[in-house]
């Protein structure tokens, strides 16, 4: 009996933690962490990437001297979900795969913008055969 209560408490705490960690837009996709769907305007995503991300992540998300390539197996959906990209833009990211230093938050980029940017990056990853 005690095991069932403890297990139930752990599950409730995990769900509650996800509720506060995963952005609302990700929670509204049927319980997955996918922010993008089949109807992404890739031209808008490319333009937003160019304006907000390309300085560090390079043209075509191939990386630069200031940031890592996003067209890389490290960033495939099974390793870095779409929600991870959203959180990176919103909160920044501590350095963990590369030696470029921490990524700072990117102010002024909306949830809708991130959705388009992630769609563009995921498309580049698919074209490169990453997933």
N, C-alpha and C. Protein backbone atom coordinates (compact mmCIF):
# COMPACT_ATOMS: atom_id res chain seq x y z
N UNK A 1 0.82 -1.19 0.00
CA UNK A 1 0.00 0.00 0.00
C UNK A 1 0.87 1.26 0.00
N UNK A 2 1.91 1.29 0.85
CA UNK A 2 2.79 2.45 0.90
C UNK A 2 3.51 2.67 -0.42
N UNK A 3 3.89 1.58 -1.09
CA UNK A 3 4.56 1.71 -2.39
C UNK A 3 3.65 2.41 -3.41
N UNK A 4 2.38 2.05 -3.42
CA UNK A 4 1.44 2.67 -4.35
C UNK A 4 1.28 4.15 -4.06
N UNK A 5 1.24 4.53 -2.81
CA UNK A 5 1.10 5.94 -2.44
C UNK A 5 2.36 6.71 -2.84
N UNK A 6 3.51 6.13 -2.58
CA UNK A 6 4.77 6.78 -2.94
C UNK A 6 4.87 6.92 -4.45
N UNK A 7 4.54 5.86 -5.18
CA UNK A 7 4.59 5.91 -6.64
C UNK A 7 3.63 6.97 -7.17
N UNK A 8 2.43 7.02 -6.64
CA UNK A 8 1.46 8.03 -7.07
C UNK A 8 1.98 9.43 -6.79
N UNK A 9 2.59 9.64 -5.64
CA UNK A 9 3.13 10.95 -5.30
C UNK A 9 4.25 11.35 -6.25
N UNK A 10 5.12 10.40 -6.59
CA UNK A 10 6.22 10.67 -7.52
C UNK A 10 5.68 11.04 -8.90
N UNK A 11 4.70 10.31 -9.37
CA UNK A 11 4.11 10.60 -10.68
C UNK A 11 3.46 11.98 -10.67
N UNK A 12 2.74 12.32 -9.64
CA UNK A 12 2.08 13.63 -9.55
C UNK A 12 3.13 14.74 -9.53
N UNK A 13 4.20 14.55 -8.78
CA UNK A 13 5.25 15.56 -8.73
C UNK A 13 5.94 15.72 -10.09
N UNK A 14 6.17 14.62 -10.79
CA UNK A 14 6.80 14.69 -12.11
C UNK A 14 5.92 15.43 -13.11
N UNK A 15 4.64 15.13 -13.10
CA UNK A 15 3.71 15.82 -14.01
C UNK A 15 3.65 17.30 -13.66
N UNK A 16 3.59 17.62 -12.39
CA UNK A 16 3.56 19.02 -11.97
C UNK A 16 4.84 19.74 -12.38
N UNK A 17 5.98 19.08 -12.24
CA UNK A 17 7.25 19.70 -12.64
C UNK A 17 7.26 19.97 -14.14
N UNK A 18 6.80 19.02 -14.93
CA UNK A 18 6.75 19.23 -16.38
C UNK A 18 5.82 20.37 -16.74
N UNK A 19 4.73 20.51 -16.01
CA UNK A 19 3.78 21.58 -16.27
C UNK A 19 4.46 22.94 -16.14
N UNK A 20 5.37 23.08 -15.18
CA UNK A 20 6.03 24.36 -14.98
C UNK A 20 7.28 24.53 -15.82
N UNK A 21 7.89 23.43 -16.26
CA UNK A 21 9.13 23.51 -17.04
C UNK A 21 8.85 23.65 -18.53
N UNK A 22 7.92 22.86 -19.06
CA UNK A 22 7.64 22.86 -20.49
C UNK A 22 6.72 24.03 -20.83
N UNK A 23 7.07 24.82 -21.85
CA UNK A 23 6.25 25.98 -22.20
C UNK A 23 4.83 25.59 -22.58
N UNK A 24 3.92 26.52 -22.37
CA UNK A 24 2.50 26.27 -22.65
C UNK A 24 2.29 25.84 -24.09
N UNK A 25 2.98 26.47 -25.03
CA UNK A 25 2.79 26.11 -26.44
C UNK A 25 3.14 24.66 -26.70
N UNK A 26 4.14 24.12 -25.99
CA UNK A 26 4.50 22.72 -26.17
C UNK A 26 3.46 21.81 -25.53
N UNK A 27 2.92 22.21 -24.38
CA UNK A 27 1.91 21.39 -23.71
C UNK A 27 0.63 21.33 -24.53
N UNK A 28 0.37 22.31 -25.36
CA UNK A 28 -0.87 22.35 -26.12
C UNK A 28 -0.81 21.53 -27.40
N UNK A 29 0.24 20.76 -27.60
CA UNK A 29 0.36 19.95 -28.82
C UNK A 29 0.00 18.50 -28.55
N UNK A 30 -0.93 18.26 -27.64
CA UNK A 30 -1.38 16.91 -27.40
C UNK A 30 -0.45 16.13 -26.49
N UNK A 31 0.31 16.84 -25.64
CA UNK A 31 1.14 16.15 -24.67
C UNK A 31 2.56 15.89 -25.15
N UNK A 32 2.88 16.26 -26.36
CA UNK A 32 4.25 16.08 -26.82
C UNK A 32 5.02 17.37 -26.62
N UNK A 33 6.30 17.32 -26.86
CA UNK A 33 7.09 18.54 -26.75
C UNK A 33 7.38 19.12 -28.13
N UNK A 34 6.60 18.75 -29.12
CA UNK A 34 6.79 19.29 -30.46
C UNK A 34 6.12 20.65 -30.56
N UNK A 35 6.88 21.63 -31.01
CA UNK A 35 6.32 22.96 -31.23
C UNK A 35 5.91 23.16 -32.67
N UNK A 36 6.47 22.36 -33.54
CA UNK A 36 6.23 22.56 -34.96
C UNK A 36 5.32 21.48 -35.50
N UNK A 37 4.66 21.82 -36.57
CA UNK A 37 3.78 20.88 -37.23
C UNK A 37 4.05 20.91 -38.72
N UNK A 38 3.15 20.32 -39.49
CA UNK A 38 3.39 20.21 -40.93
C UNK A 38 3.21 21.52 -41.70
N UNK A 39 2.57 22.51 -41.12
CA UNK A 39 2.27 23.74 -41.86
C UNK A 39 3.15 24.91 -41.43
N UNK A 40 4.45 24.73 -41.47
CA UNK A 40 5.40 25.77 -41.08
C UNK A 40 5.82 26.54 -42.33
N UNK A 41 5.83 27.85 -42.22
CA UNK A 41 6.30 28.71 -43.30
C UNK A 41 7.83 28.76 -43.22
N UNK A 42 8.49 27.94 -44.01
CA UNK A 42 9.94 27.83 -43.95
C UNK A 42 10.65 29.12 -44.33
N UNK A 43 10.07 29.89 -45.25
CA UNK A 43 10.69 31.17 -45.64
C UNK A 43 10.71 32.13 -44.45
N UNK A 44 9.62 32.18 -43.70
CA UNK A 44 9.58 33.04 -42.51
C UNK A 44 10.54 32.52 -41.45
N UNK A 45 10.59 31.21 -41.28
CA UNK A 45 11.52 30.62 -40.32
C UNK A 45 12.96 30.94 -40.68
N UNK A 46 13.29 30.84 -41.97
CA UNK A 46 14.65 31.15 -42.43
C UNK A 46 14.98 32.62 -42.17
N UNK A 47 14.02 33.51 -42.46
CA UNK A 47 14.25 34.94 -42.23
C UNK A 47 14.44 35.24 -40.74
N UNK A 48 13.62 34.63 -39.89
CA UNK A 48 13.76 34.84 -38.45
C UNK A 48 15.07 34.25 -37.93
N UNK A 49 15.46 33.10 -38.45
CA UNK A 49 16.74 32.50 -38.08
C UNK A 49 17.87 33.46 -38.46
N UNK A 50 17.79 34.00 -39.67
CA UNK A 50 18.82 34.94 -40.13
C UNK A 50 18.92 36.17 -39.25
N UNK A 51 17.81 36.66 -38.79
CA UNK A 51 17.77 37.87 -37.96
C UNK A 51 18.23 37.59 -36.52
N UNK A 52 17.88 36.43 -35.97
CA UNK A 52 18.07 36.19 -34.54
C UNK A 52 19.11 35.15 -34.17
N UNK A 53 19.47 34.26 -35.09
CA UNK A 53 20.28 33.10 -34.73
C UNK A 53 21.56 32.95 -35.54
N UNK A 54 21.55 33.44 -36.77
CA UNK A 54 22.63 33.16 -37.70
C UNK A 54 23.97 33.72 -37.24
N UNK A 55 23.97 34.81 -36.51
CA UNK A 55 25.23 35.41 -36.07
C UNK A 55 26.08 34.37 -35.34
N UNK A 56 25.44 33.58 -34.49
CA UNK A 56 26.18 32.56 -33.73
C UNK A 56 26.14 31.18 -34.37
N UNK A 57 24.98 30.80 -34.91
CA UNK A 57 24.81 29.43 -35.40
C UNK A 57 25.12 29.29 -36.89
N UNK A 58 25.50 30.37 -37.54
CA UNK A 58 25.98 30.33 -38.91
C UNK A 58 24.89 30.19 -39.96
N UNK A 59 25.24 30.48 -41.21
CA UNK A 59 24.30 30.30 -42.31
C UNK A 59 23.86 28.85 -42.41
N UNK A 60 22.59 28.64 -42.62
CA UNK A 60 22.07 27.29 -42.73
C UNK A 60 22.25 26.47 -41.46
N UNK A 61 22.44 27.16 -40.33
CA UNK A 61 22.61 26.51 -39.01
C UNK A 61 23.82 25.57 -38.99
N UNK A 62 24.85 25.92 -39.80
CA UNK A 62 26.04 25.08 -39.90
C UNK A 62 27.10 25.42 -38.85
N UNK A 63 26.82 26.39 -38.00
CA UNK A 63 27.77 26.78 -36.96
C UNK A 63 28.67 27.90 -37.42
N UNK A 64 29.36 28.51 -36.44
CA UNK A 64 30.31 29.59 -36.73
C UNK A 64 31.35 29.58 -35.63
N UNK A 65 32.22 30.56 -35.64
CA UNK A 65 33.21 30.69 -34.58
C UNK A 65 32.60 31.09 -33.25
N UNK A 66 31.32 31.48 -33.27
CA UNK A 66 30.65 31.94 -32.05
C UNK A 66 29.61 30.96 -31.51
N UNK A 67 29.24 29.96 -32.28
CA UNK A 67 28.21 29.04 -31.81
C UNK A 67 28.20 27.74 -32.59
N UNK A 68 27.58 26.72 -32.02
CA UNK A 68 27.60 25.39 -32.64
C UNK A 68 26.64 25.24 -33.81
N UNK A 69 26.87 24.22 -34.63
CA UNK A 69 25.92 23.92 -35.70
C UNK A 69 24.66 23.28 -35.10
N UNK A 70 23.53 23.71 -35.56
CA UNK A 70 22.27 23.09 -35.14
C UNK A 70 21.90 21.94 -36.07
N UNK A 71 22.53 21.90 -37.24
CA UNK A 71 22.37 20.76 -38.14
C UNK A 71 23.46 19.77 -37.74
N UNK A 72 23.19 19.09 -36.66
CA UNK A 72 24.13 18.15 -36.05
C UNK A 72 23.32 17.14 -35.26
N UNK A 73 23.83 15.94 -35.12
CA UNK A 73 23.08 14.89 -34.42
C UNK A 73 22.79 15.24 -32.97
N UNK A 74 23.60 16.11 -32.35
CA UNK A 74 23.32 16.54 -30.98
C UNK A 74 21.94 17.19 -30.85
N UNK A 75 21.50 17.82 -31.93
CA UNK A 75 20.26 18.59 -31.87
C UNK A 75 19.07 17.90 -32.53
N UNK A 76 19.22 16.62 -32.83
CA UNK A 76 18.08 15.88 -33.39
C UNK A 76 16.97 15.82 -32.34
N UNK A 77 15.72 15.64 -32.77
CA UNK A 77 14.58 15.69 -31.84
C UNK A 77 14.64 14.72 -30.68
N UNK A 78 15.28 13.58 -30.83
CA UNK A 78 15.35 12.64 -29.71
C UNK A 78 16.37 13.05 -28.66
N UNK A 79 17.23 13.99 -28.99
CA UNK A 79 18.23 14.45 -28.03
C UNK A 79 17.88 15.84 -27.49
N UNK A 80 17.48 16.75 -28.37
CA UNK A 80 17.02 18.08 -27.99
C UNK A 80 15.64 18.28 -28.63
N UNK A 81 14.62 18.20 -27.81
CA UNK A 81 13.25 18.35 -28.30
C UNK A 81 13.02 19.77 -28.79
N UNK A 82 11.91 19.97 -29.46
CA UNK A 82 11.53 21.31 -29.89
C UNK A 82 11.42 22.23 -28.67
N UNK A 83 10.89 21.72 -27.58
CA UNK A 83 10.75 22.52 -26.37
C UNK A 83 12.10 22.97 -25.84
N UNK A 84 13.15 22.17 -26.05
CA UNK A 84 14.49 22.57 -25.61
C UNK A 84 14.95 23.82 -26.35
N UNK A 85 14.62 23.92 -27.63
CA UNK A 85 14.96 25.12 -28.40
C UNK A 85 14.21 26.33 -27.83
N UNK A 86 12.93 26.14 -27.55
CA UNK A 86 12.13 27.22 -26.99
C UNK A 86 12.75 27.71 -25.67
N UNK A 87 13.09 26.77 -24.80
CA UNK A 87 13.67 27.13 -23.51
C UNK A 87 15.03 27.81 -23.69
N UNK A 88 15.81 27.37 -24.65
CA UNK A 88 17.11 27.99 -24.91
C UNK A 88 16.94 29.46 -25.29
N UNK A 89 15.98 29.74 -26.14
CA UNK A 89 15.73 31.12 -26.56
C UNK A 89 15.23 31.95 -25.37
N UNK A 90 14.33 31.37 -24.61
CA UNK A 90 13.70 32.10 -23.51
C UNK A 90 14.65 32.29 -22.31
N UNK A 91 15.39 31.24 -21.96
CA UNK A 91 16.17 31.27 -20.71
C UNK A 91 17.68 31.23 -20.90
N UNK A 92 18.12 30.91 -22.11
CA UNK A 92 19.54 30.68 -22.31
C UNK A 92 19.90 29.25 -21.96
N UNK A 93 21.14 28.86 -22.22
CA UNK A 93 21.59 27.49 -21.98
C UNK A 93 23.03 27.53 -21.49
N UNK A 94 23.31 26.71 -20.48
CA UNK A 94 24.70 26.54 -20.05
C UNK A 94 25.44 25.71 -21.09
N UNK A 95 26.69 26.03 -21.30
CA UNK A 95 27.53 25.26 -22.23
C UNK A 95 27.53 23.81 -21.80
N UNK A 96 27.30 22.89 -22.76
CA UNK A 96 27.36 21.48 -22.38
C UNK A 96 27.87 20.57 -23.48
N UNK A 97 27.73 20.88 -24.74
CA UNK A 97 28.26 20.02 -25.80
C UNK A 97 29.51 20.60 -26.44
N UNK A 98 29.62 21.90 -26.45
CA UNK A 98 30.66 22.59 -27.20
C UNK A 98 31.41 23.55 -26.28
N UNK A 99 32.45 24.17 -26.81
CA UNK A 99 33.25 25.11 -26.04
C UNK A 99 33.04 26.56 -26.48
N UNK A 100 31.81 26.92 -26.77
CA UNK A 100 31.50 28.28 -27.21
C UNK A 100 31.08 29.17 -26.04
N UNK A 101 30.92 28.61 -24.87
CA UNK A 101 30.41 29.36 -23.73
C UNK A 101 28.90 29.22 -23.65
N UNK A 102 28.32 29.86 -22.67
CA UNK A 102 26.88 29.79 -22.45
C UNK A 102 26.13 30.56 -23.52
N UNK A 103 24.95 30.09 -23.85
CA UNK A 103 24.05 30.83 -24.74
C UNK A 103 23.18 31.71 -23.87
N UNK A 104 23.14 32.98 -24.19
CA UNK A 104 22.29 33.91 -23.46
C UNK A 104 20.87 33.86 -24.02
N UNK A 105 19.86 34.25 -23.23
CA UNK A 105 18.50 34.34 -23.76
C UNK A 105 18.47 35.31 -24.94
N UNK A 106 17.49 35.13 -25.81
CA UNK A 106 17.35 35.98 -26.99
C UNK A 106 16.07 36.81 -26.80
N UNK A 107 16.20 38.04 -26.32
CA UNK A 107 15.01 38.84 -26.05
C UNK A 107 14.30 39.25 -27.35
N UNK A 108 13.00 39.41 -27.24
CA UNK A 108 12.22 39.90 -28.37
C UNK A 108 11.81 38.83 -29.37
N UNK A 109 12.10 37.58 -29.11
CA UNK A 109 11.70 36.49 -30.00
C UNK A 109 10.47 35.82 -29.38
N UNK A 110 9.36 35.90 -30.07
CA UNK A 110 8.09 35.38 -29.55
C UNK A 110 8.00 33.86 -29.68
N UNK A 111 7.02 33.28 -29.02
CA UNK A 111 6.76 31.84 -29.16
C UNK A 111 6.48 31.49 -30.61
N UNK A 112 5.72 32.34 -31.27
CA UNK A 112 5.41 32.09 -32.68
C UNK A 112 6.68 32.13 -33.54
N UNK A 113 7.58 33.07 -33.23
CA UNK A 113 8.85 33.15 -33.95
C UNK A 113 9.68 31.88 -33.74
N UNK A 114 9.75 31.43 -32.48
CA UNK A 114 10.53 30.23 -32.17
C UNK A 114 9.96 29.03 -32.92
N UNK A 115 8.64 28.95 -32.98
CA UNK A 115 8.00 27.86 -33.70
C UNK A 115 8.46 27.83 -35.16
N UNK A 116 8.51 28.98 -35.79
CA UNK A 116 8.95 29.06 -37.18
C UNK A 116 10.44 28.75 -37.32
N UNK A 117 11.25 29.25 -36.39
CA UNK A 117 12.69 28.99 -36.43
C UNK A 117 12.97 27.50 -36.25
N UNK A 118 12.31 26.89 -35.30
CA UNK A 118 12.51 25.45 -35.06
C UNK A 118 12.06 24.65 -36.28
N UNK A 119 10.95 25.05 -36.89
CA UNK A 119 10.51 24.38 -38.11
C UNK A 119 11.55 24.44 -39.21
N UNK A 120 12.16 25.61 -39.35
CA UNK A 120 13.22 25.79 -40.35
C UNK A 120 14.42 24.90 -40.02
N UNK A 121 14.86 24.90 -38.77
CA UNK A 121 16.02 24.09 -38.36
C UNK A 121 15.71 22.60 -38.52
N UNK A 122 14.52 22.18 -38.12
CA UNK A 122 14.16 20.75 -38.27
C UNK A 122 14.15 20.36 -39.74
N UNK A 123 13.70 21.26 -40.61
CA UNK A 123 13.72 20.97 -42.03
C UNK A 123 15.15 20.80 -42.53
N UNK A 124 16.05 21.68 -42.09
CA UNK A 124 17.47 21.54 -42.47
C UNK A 124 18.03 20.20 -41.98
N UNK A 125 17.68 19.84 -40.76
CA UNK A 125 18.15 18.57 -40.21
C UNK A 125 17.64 17.38 -41.03
N UNK A 126 16.36 17.42 -41.41
CA UNK A 126 15.82 16.34 -42.23
C UNK A 126 16.54 16.26 -43.57
N UNK A 127 16.74 17.42 -44.19
CA UNK A 127 17.43 17.44 -45.49
C UNK A 127 18.85 16.89 -45.37
N UNK A 128 19.48 17.07 -44.22
CA UNK A 128 20.84 16.58 -44.00
C UNK A 128 20.86 15.10 -43.57
N UNK A 129 19.69 14.50 -43.41
CA UNK A 129 19.61 13.09 -43.04
C UNK A 129 19.87 12.82 -41.56
N UNK A 130 19.75 13.84 -40.73
CA UNK A 130 20.01 13.66 -39.29
C UNK A 130 18.90 12.85 -38.64
N UNK A 131 17.69 13.01 -39.13
CA UNK A 131 16.58 12.16 -38.64
C UNK A 131 15.56 12.00 -39.71
